[in-house]
Amino acid sequence: MALFQLFVISILSSCMAQDEDIMTPVVNIYSEMTELKASLNGLTADLNTAKNELAEQKSLIHELQKQIKESPKVAFTASMSAAASTHRGPFSDETKLIFDKVLTNIGNAYDPVTGVFKAPVKGVYYFRYSGSAFSSHDMGLSIFKGTARFVSSYEYNSGERNDQMANGAVMELDVGEEVHMRLWIKSWIFVDRRYNYSTFTGYLLYPLDYSSV
């Protein structure tokens, strides 16, 4: 009898121990909930930050689009017209070239009658020219900013059939400042009737003062 009682007590003790294991939680639920809440708060903060950054980027894009839309559009390319292929020069004095054949004149800042570009806004501009000529004479070309020579090219009589040249420059111009081309003394430049070998080009890179628009 005593042996049977001991056996029963052993079984009951074992069952009680198993019940205690079942009732004992594997994890601390309160601690897990606290960590999950902290993670959720962090994700919410990150989301709000991302929303704010997106709003700032949209505002910046809108402002840039507005500036681009309101920025003046200035660009021109002109050549010289002739009924038949001919040349300008040579002259005994340095002579202003008038590129009277307008190919592009957005903003109408270039005057084909005078050959002068007048800056409509304060800004940074780019100008470029190309020149072609028969090789029996020298060819010299310059871009002038106002009355000052800015950049030049010179091609000596090479003995070849044709000479070609080109040059360009970036200029900062105030409103109303003028830019034009000149042909050097005792040199010439070819003027064709349809191919536009010799050209004068300029355009606004970006304005420096929107209040002048």
N, C-alpha and C. Protein backbone atom coordinates (compact mmCIF):
# COMPACT_ATOMS: atom_id res chain seq x y z
N MET A 1 0.83 -1.19 0.00
CA MET A 1 0.00 0.00 0.00
C MET A 1 0.87 1.25 0.00
N ALA A 2 1.85 1.26 0.81
CA ALA A 2 2.75 2.42 0.91
C ALA A 2 3.45 2.66 -0.42
N LEU A 3 3.80 1.58 -1.10
CA LEU A 3 4.47 1.72 -2.39
C LEU A 3 3.54 2.34 -3.42
N PHE A 4 2.24 1.94 -3.37
CA PHE A 4 1.26 2.48 -4.32
C PHE A 4 1.05 3.97 -4.07
N GLN A 5 1.00 4.37 -2.77
CA GLN A 5 0.84 5.78 -2.44
C GLN A 5 2.02 6.60 -2.95
N LEU A 6 3.18 6.07 -2.79
CA LEU A 6 4.36 6.80 -3.28
C LEU A 6 4.30 6.97 -4.80
N PHE A 7 3.80 5.94 -5.51
CA PHE A 7 3.69 5.99 -6.97
C PHE A 7 2.70 7.07 -7.40
N VAL A 8 1.56 7.13 -6.66
CA VAL A 8 0.53 8.13 -6.98
C VAL A 8 1.06 9.54 -6.72
N ILE A 9 1.75 9.70 -5.59
CA ILE A 9 2.30 11.01 -5.24
C ILE A 9 3.30 11.46 -6.30
N SER A 10 4.11 10.53 -6.82
CA SER A 10 5.10 10.85 -7.83
C SER A 10 4.43 11.32 -9.13
N ILE A 11 3.33 10.60 -9.48
CA ILE A 11 2.61 10.98 -10.71
C ILE A 11 1.98 12.35 -10.55
N LEU A 12 1.38 12.62 -9.39
CA LEU A 12 0.75 13.92 -9.16
C LEU A 12 1.78 15.04 -9.18
N SER A 13 2.92 14.80 -8.61
CA SER A 13 3.97 15.81 -8.59
C SER A 13 4.43 16.13 -10.00
N SER A 14 4.55 15.08 -10.81
CA SER A 14 4.97 15.27 -12.19
C SER A 14 3.93 16.07 -12.97
N CYS A 15 2.66 15.81 -12.77
CA CYS A 15 1.60 16.55 -13.46
C CYS A 15 1.57 18.01 -13.04
N MET A 16 1.76 18.25 -11.75
CA MET A 16 1.77 19.62 -11.25
C MET A 16 2.94 20.41 -11.87
N ALA A 17 4.07 19.74 -11.99
CA ALA A 17 5.23 20.40 -12.59
C ALA A 17 4.95 20.76 -14.04
N GLN A 18 4.27 19.83 -14.77
CA GLN A 18 3.94 20.11 -16.17
C GLN A 18 2.94 21.25 -16.27
N ASP A 19 1.97 21.29 -15.34
CA ASP A 19 1.00 22.39 -15.34
C ASP A 19 1.69 23.73 -15.12
N GLU A 20 2.67 23.73 -14.23
CA GLU A 20 3.40 24.97 -13.98
C GLU A 20 4.13 25.42 -15.23
N ASP A 21 4.71 24.44 -15.99
CA ASP A 21 5.41 24.80 -17.23
C ASP A 21 4.45 25.36 -18.26
N ILE A 22 3.26 24.78 -18.34
CA ILE A 22 2.27 25.25 -19.31
C ILE A 22 1.79 26.65 -18.96
N MET A 23 1.59 26.95 -17.74
CA MET A 23 1.08 28.25 -17.30
C MET A 23 2.13 29.35 -17.34
N THR A 24 3.38 28.92 -17.27
CA THR A 24 4.45 29.92 -17.30
C THR A 24 4.63 30.42 -18.73
N PRO A 25 4.47 31.71 -19.03
CA PRO A 25 4.61 32.23 -20.40
C PRO A 25 6.04 32.09 -20.90
N VAL A 26 6.15 31.77 -22.22
CA VAL A 26 7.46 31.62 -22.83
C VAL A 26 8.17 32.97 -22.93
N VAL A 27 7.39 34.06 -23.25
CA VAL A 27 7.97 35.40 -23.35
C VAL A 27 7.22 36.34 -22.43
N ASN A 28 7.85 37.51 -22.21
CA ASN A 28 7.20 38.53 -21.40
C ASN A 28 6.35 39.38 -22.33
N ILE A 29 5.05 39.15 -22.34
CA ILE A 29 4.14 39.82 -23.28
C ILE A 29 4.19 41.34 -23.11
N TYR A 30 4.25 41.83 -21.89
CA TYR A 30 4.28 43.28 -21.65
C TYR A 30 5.53 43.92 -22.25
N SER A 31 6.66 43.22 -22.07
CA SER A 31 7.90 43.73 -22.62
C SER A 31 7.85 43.76 -24.15
N GLU A 32 7.30 42.69 -24.75
CA GLU A 32 7.18 42.65 -26.21
C GLU A 32 6.27 43.74 -26.73
N MET A 33 5.17 43.99 -26.07
CA MET A 33 4.24 45.04 -26.48
C MET A 33 4.90 46.41 -26.40
N THR A 34 5.70 46.61 -25.36
CA THR A 34 6.40 47.88 -25.21
C THR A 34 7.38 48.11 -26.35
N GLU A 35 8.12 47.04 -26.72
CA GLU A 35 9.07 47.15 -27.81
C GLU A 35 8.37 47.39 -29.15
N LEU A 36 7.25 46.68 -29.36
CA LEU A 36 6.49 46.88 -30.60
C LEU A 36 5.95 48.30 -30.70
N LYS A 37 5.49 48.84 -29.58
CA LYS A 37 4.98 50.21 -29.56
C LYS A 37 6.09 51.20 -29.88
N ALA A 38 7.28 50.97 -29.33
CA ALA A 38 8.41 51.85 -29.61
C ALA A 38 8.81 51.78 -31.08
N SER A 39 8.79 50.56 -31.64
CA SER A 39 9.11 50.40 -33.06
C SER A 39 8.09 51.12 -33.93
N LEU A 40 6.82 50.99 -33.54
CA LEU A 40 5.75 51.65 -34.29
C LEU A 40 5.91 53.18 -34.24
N ASN A 41 6.26 53.69 -33.07
CA ASN A 41 6.49 55.13 -32.94
C ASN A 41 7.66 55.59 -33.81
N GLY A 42 8.71 54.75 -33.86
CA GLY A 42 9.86 55.09 -34.71
C GLY A 42 9.50 55.10 -36.18
N LEU A 43 8.72 54.11 -36.61
CA LEU A 43 8.29 54.05 -38.00
C LEU A 43 7.40 55.23 -38.35
N THR A 44 6.54 55.60 -37.41
CA THR A 44 5.66 56.76 -37.63
C THR A 44 6.49 58.04 -37.78
N ALA A 45 7.51 58.19 -36.94
CA ALA A 45 8.38 59.37 -37.03
C ALA A 45 9.13 59.39 -38.36
N ASP A 46 9.62 58.22 -38.79
CA ASP A 46 10.32 58.14 -40.08
C ASP A 46 9.38 58.49 -41.22
N LEU A 47 8.14 58.01 -41.14
CA LEU A 47 7.16 58.29 -42.19
C LEU A 47 6.86 59.80 -42.26
N ASN A 48 6.72 60.41 -41.10
CA ASN A 48 6.46 61.86 -41.06
C ASN A 48 7.64 62.64 -41.64
N THR A 49 8.86 62.19 -41.32
CA THR A 49 10.05 62.83 -41.87
C THR A 49 10.09 62.71 -43.39
N ALA A 50 9.77 61.50 -43.88
CA ALA A 50 9.75 61.29 -45.33
C ALA A 50 8.69 62.16 -46.00
N LYS A 51 7.53 62.29 -45.36
CA LYS A 51 6.47 63.15 -45.90
C LYS A 51 6.93 64.60 -45.97
N ASN A 52 7.60 65.06 -44.92
CA ASN A 52 8.09 66.45 -44.90
C ASN A 52 9.14 66.68 -45.99
N GLU A 53 10.05 65.70 -46.15
CA GLU A 53 11.08 65.84 -47.19
C GLU A 53 10.44 65.84 -48.57
N LEU A 54 9.43 64.99 -48.78
CA LEU A 54 8.75 64.94 -50.07
C LEU A 54 8.04 66.27 -50.35
N ALA A 55 7.44 66.83 -49.32
CA ALA A 55 6.76 68.12 -49.49
C ALA A 55 7.78 69.21 -49.85
N GLU A 56 8.96 69.20 -49.20
CA GLU A 56 10.00 70.18 -49.52
C GLU A 56 10.50 70.01 -50.94
N GLN A 57 10.67 68.76 -51.39
CA GLN A 57 11.13 68.52 -52.75
C GLN A 57 10.09 68.98 -53.77
N LYS A 58 8.82 68.72 -53.49
CA LYS A 58 7.77 69.18 -54.38
C LYS A 58 7.74 70.70 -54.46
N SER A 59 7.95 71.35 -53.32
CA SER A 59 7.98 72.81 -53.29
C SER A 59 9.16 73.34 -54.09
N LEU A 60 10.32 72.68 -53.96
CA LEU A 60 11.52 73.10 -54.70
C LEU A 60 11.30 72.91 -56.20
N ILE A 61 10.74 71.77 -56.60
CA ILE A 61 10.46 71.51 -58.01
C ILE A 61 9.50 72.55 -58.57
N HIS A 62 8.49 72.87 -57.79
CA HIS A 62 7.52 73.88 -58.22
C HIS A 62 8.19 75.24 -58.41
N GLU A 63 9.09 75.59 -57.50
CA GLU A 63 9.79 76.87 -57.59
C GLU A 63 10.71 76.90 -58.81
N LEU A 64 11.42 75.78 -59.06
CA LEU A 64 12.29 75.71 -60.22
C LEU A 64 11.49 75.78 -61.53
N GLN A 65 10.36 75.09 -61.56
CA GLN A 65 9.49 75.15 -62.74
C GLN A 65 8.99 76.57 -62.96
N LYS A 66 8.68 77.26 -61.87
CA LYS A 66 8.21 78.64 -61.97
C LYS A 66 9.32 79.54 -62.52
N GLN A 67 10.56 79.35 -62.00
CA GLN A 67 11.68 80.15 -62.47
C GLN A 67 11.97 79.90 -63.94
N ILE A 68 11.91 78.62 -64.35
CA ILE A 68 12.16 78.28 -65.75
C ILE A 68 11.10 78.91 -66.64
N LYS A 69 9.85 78.85 -66.17
CA LYS A 69 8.74 79.41 -66.95
C LYS A 69 8.87 80.93 -67.07
N GLU A 70 9.29 81.58 -65.99
CA GLU A 70 9.38 83.04 -65.98
C GLU A 70 10.70 83.55 -66.53
N SER A 71 11.70 82.67 -66.64
CA SER A 71 13.01 83.09 -67.15
C SER A 71 12.90 83.51 -68.60
N PRO A 72 13.57 84.60 -69.00
CA PRO A 72 13.49 85.05 -70.39
C PRO A 72 14.12 84.04 -71.34
N LYS A 73 13.57 83.95 -72.51
CA LYS A 73 14.09 83.06 -73.55
C LYS A 73 14.82 83.91 -74.59
N VAL A 74 16.13 83.74 -74.66
CA VAL A 74 16.96 84.56 -75.55
C VAL A 74 17.93 83.66 -76.30
N ALA A 75 17.82 83.65 -77.63
CA ALA A 75 18.74 82.86 -78.46
C ALA A 75 18.64 83.34 -79.90
N PHE A 76 19.79 83.38 -80.58
CA PHE A 76 19.76 83.78 -81.98
C PHE A 76 20.90 83.12 -82.74
N THR A 77 20.69 82.95 -84.01
CA THR A 77 21.72 82.58 -84.97
C THR A 77 21.44 83.34 -86.25
N ALA A 78 22.48 83.96 -86.80
CA ALA A 78 22.32 84.74 -88.03
C ALA A 78 23.49 84.49 -88.96
N SER A 79 23.21 84.57 -90.24
CA SER A 79 24.22 84.47 -91.27
C SER A 79 24.17 85.75 -92.11
N MET A 80 24.88 85.75 -93.22
CA MET A 80 24.87 86.93 -94.10
C MET A 80 24.24 86.56 -95.44
N SER A 81 23.35 87.39 -95.90
CA SER A 81 22.63 87.10 -97.13
C SER A 81 23.35 87.68 -98.34
N ALA A 82 23.16 87.01 -99.47
CA ALA A 82 23.74 87.47 -100.73
C ALA A 82 22.97 86.82 -101.87
N ALA A 83 22.79 87.56 -102.96
CA ALA A 83 22.10 87.02 -104.12
C ALA A 83 22.94 85.95 -104.79
N ALA A 84 24.25 86.09 -104.68
CA ALA A 84 25.19 85.10 -105.23
C ALA A 84 26.36 84.99 -104.26
N SER A 85 27.05 83.88 -104.32
CA SER A 85 28.19 83.68 -103.42
C SER A 85 29.23 84.77 -103.65
N THR A 86 29.63 85.41 -102.58
CA THR A 86 30.57 86.53 -102.69
C THR A 86 31.38 86.60 -101.40
N HIS A 87 31.88 87.76 -101.03
CA HIS A 87 32.65 87.92 -99.79
C HIS A 87 32.48 89.34 -99.28
N ARG A 88 32.78 89.51 -97.98
CA ARG A 88 32.86 90.83 -97.37
C ARG A 88 34.33 91.13 -97.14
N GLY A 89 34.77 92.33 -97.60
CA GLY A 89 36.16 92.71 -97.45
C GLY A 89 36.96 92.33 -98.70
N PRO A 90 38.26 92.61 -98.66
CA PRO A 90 38.98 93.25 -97.54
C PRO A 90 38.73 94.75 -97.49
N PHE A 91 38.79 95.28 -96.26
CA PHE A 91 38.58 96.71 -96.03
C PHE A 91 39.85 97.33 -95.46
N SER A 92 39.97 98.63 -95.64
CA SER A 92 41.16 99.33 -95.14
C SER A 92 41.07 99.59 -93.64
N ASP A 93 39.87 99.44 -93.06
CA ASP A 93 39.69 99.60 -91.61
C ASP A 93 38.95 98.38 -91.06
N GLU A 94 39.14 98.13 -89.78
CA GLU A 94 38.36 97.07 -89.14
C GLU A 94 36.87 97.42 -89.25
N THR A 95 36.05 96.46 -89.63
CA THR A 95 34.66 96.75 -89.99
C THR A 95 33.70 95.85 -89.23
N LYS A 96 32.62 96.44 -88.73
CA LYS A 96 31.58 95.66 -88.07
C LYS A 96 30.87 94.79 -89.10
N LEU A 97 30.71 93.52 -88.80
CA LEU A 97 29.99 92.61 -89.68
C LEU A 97 28.51 92.62 -89.32
N ILE A 98 27.69 92.69 -90.32
CA ILE A 98 26.24 92.67 -90.10
C ILE A 98 25.70 91.34 -90.64
N PHE A 99 25.33 90.48 -89.73
CA PHE A 99 24.73 89.20 -90.10
C PHE A 99 23.23 89.44 -90.24
N ASP A 100 22.83 89.74 -91.47
CA ASP A 100 21.46 90.19 -91.71
C ASP A 100 20.47 89.06 -92.01
N LYS A 101 20.98 87.86 -92.20
CA LYS A 101 20.11 86.72 -92.50
C LYS A 101 19.79 85.97 -91.21
N VAL A 102 18.66 86.28 -90.64
CA VAL A 102 18.30 85.71 -89.33
C VAL A 102 17.78 84.29 -89.50
N LEU A 103 18.38 83.36 -88.80
CA LEU A 103 17.93 81.97 -88.80
C LEU A 103 17.09 81.67 -87.57
N THR A 104 17.48 82.26 -86.45
CA THR A 104 16.73 82.14 -85.19
C THR A 104 16.90 83.44 -84.43
N ASN A 105 15.82 83.92 -83.83
CA ASN A 105 15.94 85.15 -83.04
C ASN A 105 14.86 85.16 -81.95
N ILE A 106 14.98 84.22 -81.03
CA ILE A 106 14.02 84.11 -79.93
C ILE A 106 14.28 85.24 -78.94
N GLY A 107 13.28 86.03 -78.68
CA GLY A 107 13.43 87.18 -77.80
C GLY A 107 13.76 88.46 -78.52
N ASN A 108 14.13 88.36 -79.80
CA ASN A 108 14.42 89.54 -80.63
C ASN A 108 15.47 90.47 -80.03
N ALA A 109 16.47 89.89 -79.39
CA ALA A 109 17.54 90.70 -78.81
C ALA A 109 18.62 91.03 -79.83
N TYR A 110 18.64 90.30 -80.94
CA TYR A 110 19.63 90.57 -82.00
C TYR A 110 18.96 91.41 -83.08
N ASP A 111 19.68 92.46 -83.51
CA ASP A 111 19.17 93.37 -84.55
C ASP A 111 19.91 93.08 -85.86
N PRO A 112 19.23 92.48 -86.84
CA PRO A 112 19.89 92.15 -88.10
C PRO A 112 20.21 93.38 -88.96
N VAL A 113 19.66 94.52 -88.62
CA VAL A 113 19.96 95.74 -89.37
C VAL A 113 21.30 96.33 -88.95
N THR A 114 21.56 96.32 -87.66
CA THR A 114 22.81 96.88 -87.13
C THR A 114 23.87 95.81 -86.85
N GLY A 115 23.44 94.53 -86.76
CA GLY A 115 24.38 93.47 -86.44
C GLY A 115 24.75 93.41 -84.97
N VAL A 116 23.94 94.06 -84.14
CA VAL A 116 24.26 94.18 -82.71
C VAL A 116 23.26 93.37 -81.87
N PHE A 117 23.80 92.63 -80.91
CA PHE A 117 23.00 91.97 -79.90
C PHE A 117 22.98 92.85 -78.66
N LYS A 118 21.79 93.11 -78.12
CA LYS A 118 21.66 93.92 -76.91
C LYS A 118 21.02 93.06 -75.81
N ALA A 119 21.71 92.92 -74.69
CA ALA A 119 21.24 92.05 -73.61
C ALA A 119 19.93 92.58 -73.02
N PRO A 120 18.86 91.77 -73.07
CA PRO A 120 17.59 92.22 -72.49
C PRO A 120 17.54 92.08 -70.98
N VAL A 121 18.38 91.22 -70.43
CA VAL A 121 18.43 91.02 -68.97
C VAL A 121 19.89 90.86 -68.54
N LYS A 122 20.14 91.13 -67.29
CA LYS A 122 21.46 90.85 -66.74
C LYS A 122 21.61 89.35 -66.63
N GLY A 123 22.72 88.82 -67.15
CA GLY A 123 22.87 87.37 -67.12
C GLY A 123 24.20 86.92 -67.70
N VAL A 124 24.34 85.61 -67.77
CA VAL A 124 25.51 84.98 -68.36
C VAL A 124 25.10 84.46 -69.74
N TYR A 125 25.85 84.87 -70.77
CA TYR A 125 25.52 84.56 -72.16
C TYR A 125 26.67 83.79 -72.81
N TYR A 126 26.31 83.05 -73.83
CA TYR A 126 27.33 82.36 -74.64
C TYR A 126 27.21 82.84 -76.08
N PHE A 127 28.36 83.19 -76.69
CA PHE A 127 28.41 83.63 -78.08
C PHE A 127 29.42 82.78 -78.83
N ARG A 128 29.09 82.56 -80.09
CA ARG A 128 29.99 81.77 -80.94
C ARG A 128 29.87 82.25 -82.39
N TYR A 129 30.97 82.15 -83.11
CA TYR A 129 30.93 82.49 -84.52
C TYR A 129 31.68 81.44 -85.32
N SER A 130 31.35 81.38 -86.60
CA SER A 130 32.09 80.54 -87.54
C SER A 130 32.40 81.40 -88.76
N GLY A 131 33.54 81.15 -89.37
CA GLY A 131 33.94 81.92 -90.54
C GLY A 131 34.51 81.02 -91.62
N SER A 132 34.20 81.34 -92.83
CA SER A 132 34.72 80.62 -93.98
C SER A 132 35.21 81.63 -95.01
N ALA A 133 36.29 81.30 -95.70
CA ALA A 133 36.82 82.23 -96.71
C ALA A 133 37.72 81.50 -97.68
N PHE A 134 37.82 82.05 -98.87
CA PHE A 134 38.81 81.55 -99.82
C PHE A 134 40.20 81.91 -99.31
N SER A 135 41.17 81.12 -99.64
CA SER A 135 42.49 81.25 -99.03
C SER A 135 43.38 82.32 -99.67
N SER A 136 42.86 83.04 -100.64
CA SER A 136 43.69 84.05 -101.29
C SER A 136 43.86 85.31 -100.44
N HIS A 137 43.11 85.41 -99.33
CA HIS A 137 43.28 86.52 -98.39
C HIS A 137 43.27 85.97 -96.96
N ASP A 138 43.82 86.74 -96.04
CA ASP A 138 43.73 86.38 -94.62
C ASP A 138 42.29 86.60 -94.15
N MET A 139 41.95 85.95 -93.03
CA MET A 139 40.64 86.13 -92.42
C MET A 139 40.81 86.33 -90.93
N GLY A 140 40.33 87.45 -90.42
CA GLY A 140 40.39 87.73 -88.98
C GLY A 140 39.04 88.16 -88.47
N LEU A 141 38.60 87.54 -87.39
CA LEU A 141 37.29 87.83 -86.80
C LEU A 141 37.41 88.03 -85.30
N SER A 142 36.59 88.92 -84.76
CA SER A 142 36.58 89.18 -83.32
C SER A 142 35.15 89.39 -82.83
N ILE A 143 34.90 88.95 -81.61
CA ILE A 143 33.67 89.31 -80.91
C ILE A 143 34.00 90.50 -80.01
N PHE A 144 33.18 91.53 -80.08
CA PHE A 144 33.36 92.71 -79.24
C PHE A 144 32.24 92.79 -78.20
N LYS A 145 32.65 93.06 -76.97
CA LYS A 145 31.71 93.40 -75.91
C LYS A 145 31.77 94.91 -75.74
N GLY A 146 30.74 95.57 -76.25
CA GLY A 146 30.80 97.02 -76.30
C GLY A 146 31.87 97.45 -77.28
N THR A 147 32.85 98.20 -76.80
CA THR A 147 33.96 98.64 -77.65
C THR A 147 35.24 97.84 -77.40
N ALA A 148 35.14 96.82 -76.56
CA ALA A 148 36.33 96.04 -76.19
C ALA A 148 36.34 94.70 -76.91
N ARG A 149 37.48 94.37 -77.50
CA ARG A 149 37.65 93.08 -78.16
C ARG A 149 37.63 91.98 -77.07
N PHE A 150 36.85 90.92 -77.31
CA PHE A 150 36.70 89.88 -76.29
C PHE A 150 37.46 88.61 -76.66
N VAL A 151 37.14 88.01 -77.80
CA VAL A 151 37.90 86.86 -78.31
C VAL A 151 38.05 87.02 -79.82
N SER A 152 39.08 86.38 -80.37
CA SER A 152 39.37 86.53 -81.80
C SER A 152 39.88 85.23 -82.40
N SER A 153 39.87 85.20 -83.72
CA SER A 153 40.51 84.13 -84.49
C SER A 153 41.15 84.77 -85.72
N TYR A 154 42.25 84.18 -86.16
CA TYR A 154 42.91 84.72 -87.36
C TYR A 154 43.45 83.56 -88.19
N GLU A 155 43.17 83.61 -89.46
CA GLU A 155 43.62 82.57 -90.39
C GLU A 155 44.45 83.23 -91.49
N TYR A 156 45.74 82.89 -91.53
CA TYR A 156 46.61 83.44 -92.57
C TYR A 156 46.34 82.73 -93.90
N ASN A 157 46.70 83.40 -94.95
CA ASN A 157 46.58 82.81 -96.27
C ASN A 157 47.38 81.51 -96.31
N SER A 158 46.67 80.41 -96.31
CA SER A 158 47.31 79.11 -96.16
C SER A 158 47.71 78.49 -97.49
N GLY A 159 47.18 79.01 -98.58
CA GLY A 159 47.44 78.41 -99.87
C GLY A 159 46.49 77.28 -100.20
N GLU A 160 45.67 76.90 -99.23
CA GLU A 160 44.63 75.90 -99.48
C GLU A 160 43.44 76.57 -100.16
N ARG A 161 42.50 75.77 -100.62
CA ARG A 161 41.36 76.33 -101.34
C ARG A 161 40.45 77.14 -100.43
N ASN A 162 40.16 76.59 -99.23
CA ASN A 162 39.24 77.26 -98.31
C ASN A 162 39.83 77.24 -96.90
N ASP A 163 39.50 78.28 -96.14
CA ASP A 163 39.88 78.36 -94.73
C ASP A 163 38.63 78.41 -93.87
N GLN A 164 38.69 77.75 -92.71
CA GLN A 164 37.57 77.73 -91.78
C GLN A 164 38.08 78.12 -90.39
N MET A 165 37.23 78.77 -89.63
CA MET A 165 37.59 79.11 -88.26
C MET A 165 36.33 79.22 -87.41
N ALA A 166 36.52 79.13 -86.10
CA ALA A 166 35.41 79.28 -85.16
C ALA A 166 35.98 79.61 -83.79
N ASN A 167 35.19 80.27 -83.00
CA ASN A 167 35.58 80.59 -81.63
C ASN A 167 34.31 80.93 -80.85
N GLY A 168 34.42 80.94 -79.55
CA GLY A 168 33.26 81.26 -78.72
C GLY A 168 33.69 81.76 -77.36
N ALA A 169 32.74 82.33 -76.62
CA ALA A 169 33.07 82.89 -75.31
C ALA A 169 31.81 82.99 -74.45
N VAL A 170 32.00 82.89 -73.15
CA VAL A 170 30.94 83.14 -72.17
C VAL A 170 31.14 84.55 -71.63
N MET A 171 30.06 85.33 -71.61
CA MET A 171 30.13 86.71 -71.13
C MET A 171 29.07 86.97 -70.07
N GLU A 172 29.43 87.79 -69.11
CA GLU A 172 28.45 88.33 -68.17
C GLU A 172 28.06 89.73 -68.66
N LEU A 173 26.78 89.92 -68.92
CA LEU A 173 26.31 91.18 -69.47
C LEU A 173 25.27 91.81 -68.57
N ASP A 174 25.34 93.13 -68.45
CA ASP A 174 24.27 93.88 -67.80
C ASP A 174 23.19 94.20 -68.82
N VAL A 175 22.05 94.62 -68.34
CA VAL A 175 20.96 94.98 -69.23
C VAL A 175 21.42 96.10 -70.17
N GLY A 176 21.21 95.90 -71.48
CA GLY A 176 21.55 96.92 -72.46
C GLY A 176 22.96 96.84 -73.00
N GLU A 177 23.83 96.01 -72.42
CA GLU A 177 25.19 95.88 -72.98
C GLU A 177 25.11 95.21 -74.34
N GLU A 178 26.05 95.60 -75.24
CA GLU A 178 25.98 95.17 -76.63
C GLU A 178 27.15 94.27 -77.01
N VAL A 179 26.87 93.37 -77.94
CA VAL A 179 27.87 92.45 -78.46
C VAL A 179 27.73 92.43 -79.99
N HIS A 180 28.87 92.49 -80.70
CA HIS A 180 28.83 92.43 -82.15
C HIS A 180 30.12 91.80 -82.67
N MET A 181 30.15 91.57 -83.98
CA MET A 181 31.32 90.97 -84.63
C MET A 181 32.03 92.00 -85.50
N ARG A 182 33.36 91.84 -85.63
CA ARG A 182 34.12 92.70 -86.53
C ARG A 182 35.06 91.87 -87.38
N LEU A 183 35.24 92.36 -88.61
CA LEU A 183 36.18 91.78 -89.55
C LEU A 183 37.48 92.59 -89.49
N TRP A 184 38.58 91.89 -89.38
CA TRP A 184 39.86 92.57 -89.24
C TRP A 184 40.24 93.33 -90.52
N ILE A 185 41.14 94.28 -90.35
CA ILE A 185 41.65 95.07 -91.47
C ILE A 185 42.33 94.16 -92.50
N LYS A 186 42.07 94.45 -93.79
CA LYS A 186 42.68 93.76 -94.92
C LYS A 186 42.44 92.24 -94.88
N SER A 187 41.28 91.84 -94.37
CA SER A 187 40.91 90.43 -94.41
C SER A 187 39.49 90.32 -94.97
N TRP A 188 39.04 89.13 -95.25
CA TRP A 188 37.70 88.98 -95.80
C TRP A 188 37.03 87.73 -95.25
N ILE A 189 35.74 87.60 -95.54
CA ILE A 189 34.95 86.46 -95.10
C ILE A 189 33.97 86.10 -96.22
N PHE A 190 33.79 84.82 -96.40
CA PHE A 190 32.94 84.32 -97.49
C PHE A 190 31.46 84.45 -97.12
N VAL A 191 30.66 84.84 -98.10
CA VAL A 191 29.21 84.93 -97.93
C VAL A 191 28.58 84.08 -99.03
N ASP A 192 27.97 82.98 -98.65
CA ASP A 192 27.33 82.13 -99.65
C ASP A 192 25.82 82.41 -99.66
N ARG A 193 25.17 82.04 -100.69
CA ARG A 193 23.77 82.40 -100.84
C ARG A 193 22.81 81.41 -100.19
N ARG A 194 23.29 80.22 -99.76
CA ARG A 194 22.33 79.28 -99.18
C ARG A 194 22.87 78.35 -98.09
N TYR A 195 24.18 78.17 -97.95
CA TYR A 195 24.70 77.18 -97.02
C TYR A 195 25.03 77.73 -95.64
N ASN A 196 25.12 79.04 -95.49
CA ASN A 196 25.35 79.67 -94.18
C ASN A 196 26.63 79.17 -93.50
N TYR A 197 27.73 79.25 -94.21
CA TYR A 197 29.01 78.83 -93.64
C TYR A 197 29.46 79.76 -92.52
N SER A 198 29.23 81.04 -92.70
CA SER A 198 29.69 82.04 -91.72
C SER A 198 28.50 82.51 -90.89
N THR A 199 28.58 82.31 -89.58
CA THR A 199 27.43 82.59 -88.71
C THR A 199 27.85 83.28 -87.41
N PHE A 200 26.88 83.90 -86.78
CA PHE A 200 27.04 84.54 -85.47
C PHE A 200 25.89 84.03 -84.61
N THR A 201 26.22 83.48 -83.44
CA THR A 201 25.23 82.84 -82.56
C THR A 201 25.40 83.31 -81.13
N GLY A 202 24.30 83.44 -80.42
CA GLY A 202 24.36 83.78 -79.00
C GLY A 202 23.10 83.35 -78.29
N TYR A 203 23.23 83.05 -77.00
CA TYR A 203 22.03 82.71 -76.22
C TYR A 203 22.30 82.91 -74.73
N LEU A 204 21.22 83.10 -74.02
CA LEU A 204 21.29 83.30 -72.57
C LEU A 204 21.45 81.96 -71.88
N LEU A 205 22.51 81.82 -71.08
CA LEU A 205 22.69 80.61 -70.28
C LEU A 205 21.78 80.65 -69.05
N TYR A 206 21.87 81.76 -68.29
CA TYR A 206 20.96 81.94 -67.16
C TYR A 206 21.01 83.40 -66.70
N PRO A 207 19.86 83.93 -66.26
CA PRO A 207 19.83 85.31 -65.76
C PRO A 207 20.46 85.40 -64.38
N LEU A 208 20.96 86.57 -64.05
CA LEU A 208 21.56 86.80 -62.74
C LEU A 208 20.68 87.67 -61.84
N ASP A 209 19.68 88.27 -62.42
CA ASP A 209 18.83 89.17 -61.63
C ASP A 209 17.41 89.10 -62.19
N TYR A 210 16.54 88.34 -61.48
CA TYR A 210 15.19 88.15 -61.97
C TYR A 210 14.37 89.45 -61.93
N SER A 211 14.80 90.38 -61.12
CA SER A 211 14.05 91.64 -61.04
C SER A 211 14.15 92.43 -62.33
N SER A 212 15.15 92.09 -63.17
CA SER A 212 15.32 92.81 -64.43
C SER A 212 14.53 92.19 -65.56
N VAL A 213 13.86 91.04 -65.29
CA VAL A 213 13.09 90.37 -66.33
C VAL A 213 11.90 91.23 -66.71
